[in-house]
Amino acid sequence: MYTTGTIRLADALGTPFLMVIPAVTIWLAFGAWVVTSMGMWRHFAFLARESRRG
C-alpha cells in the first residue's frame, strides 16, 4: 500500500527520485512473502509427518 502511494505521489509531484523507495520496498515485500510462504509449507510438512505417526 505504501509502495503504491509513493508511486502516485512521485507521479503527482513530478519527483522521479522518490521512485527509489518503491523499487526497494517491492523487493522487501516480495522477500517477506517468500519467507512467510516457506514457513507455512514447512509447518504443513510437519503436520503431515505428525499425522502419519499417530
Protein backbone atom coordinates (compact mmCIF):
# COMPACT_ATOMS: atom_id res chain seq x y z
CA MET A 1 0.00 0.00 0.00
CA TYR A 2 2.80 2.45 0.85
CA THR A 3 4.62 1.45 -2.31
CA THR A 4 1.61 2.34 -4.44
CA GLY A 5 1.10 5.58 -2.53
CA THR A 6 4.72 6.58 -3.07
CA ILE A 7 4.47 5.84 -6.78
CA ARG A 8 1.36 8.01 -7.06
CA LEU A 9 2.97 10.81 -5.00
CA ALA A 10 6.13 10.77 -7.12
CA ASP A 11 3.98 10.96 -10.24
CA ALA A 12 1.80 13.79 -8.88
CA LEU A 13 4.75 15.87 -7.66
CA GLY A 14 6.95 15.11 -10.64
CA THR A 15 9.77 13.86 -8.42
CA PRO A 16 11.36 10.81 -10.03
CA PHE A 17 13.92 10.44 -7.22
CA LEU A 18 11.09 9.17 -4.99
CA MET A 19 10.78 6.12 -7.27
CA VAL A 20 13.79 4.61 -5.47
CA ILE A 21 11.59 3.93 -2.44
CA PRO A 22 9.03 1.70 -4.22
CA ALA A 23 11.79 -0.03 -6.18
CA VAL A 24 13.35 -1.17 -2.90
CA THR A 25 10.21 -1.82 -0.87
CA ILE A 26 8.62 -4.03 -3.53
CA TRP A 27 11.57 -6.43 -3.27
CA LEU A 28 11.49 -6.32 0.53
CA ALA A 29 7.79 -7.16 0.45
CA PHE A 30 8.38 -9.97 -2.02
CA GLY A 31 11.13 -11.39 0.20
CA ALA A 32 8.83 -11.24 3.22
CA TRP A 33 6.13 -13.14 1.33
CA VAL A 34 8.64 -15.79 0.23
CA VAL A 35 9.88 -16.32 3.79
CA THR A 36 6.32 -16.46 5.12
CA SER A 37 5.28 -18.96 2.44
CA MET A 38 8.29 -21.15 3.17
CA GLY A 39 7.38 -21.17 6.86
CA MET A 40 3.80 -22.10 6.06
CA TRP A 41 4.83 -25.01 3.82
CA ARG A 42 7.34 -26.17 6.42
CA HIS A 43 4.54 -26.21 9.00
CA PHE A 44 2.27 -28.15 6.62
CA ALA A 45 5.03 -30.72 6.09
CA PHE A 46 5.45 -31.05 9.86
CA LEU A 47 1.71 -31.59 10.30
CA ALA A 48 1.69 -34.22 7.55
CA ARG A 49 4.56 -36.12 9.20
CA GLU A 50 2.89 -35.96 12.61
CA SER A 51 -0.44 -37.21 11.26
CA ARG A 52 1.27 -40.30 9.79
CA ARG A 53 2.87 -41.17 13.14
CA GLY A 54 -0.19 -41.34 15.24
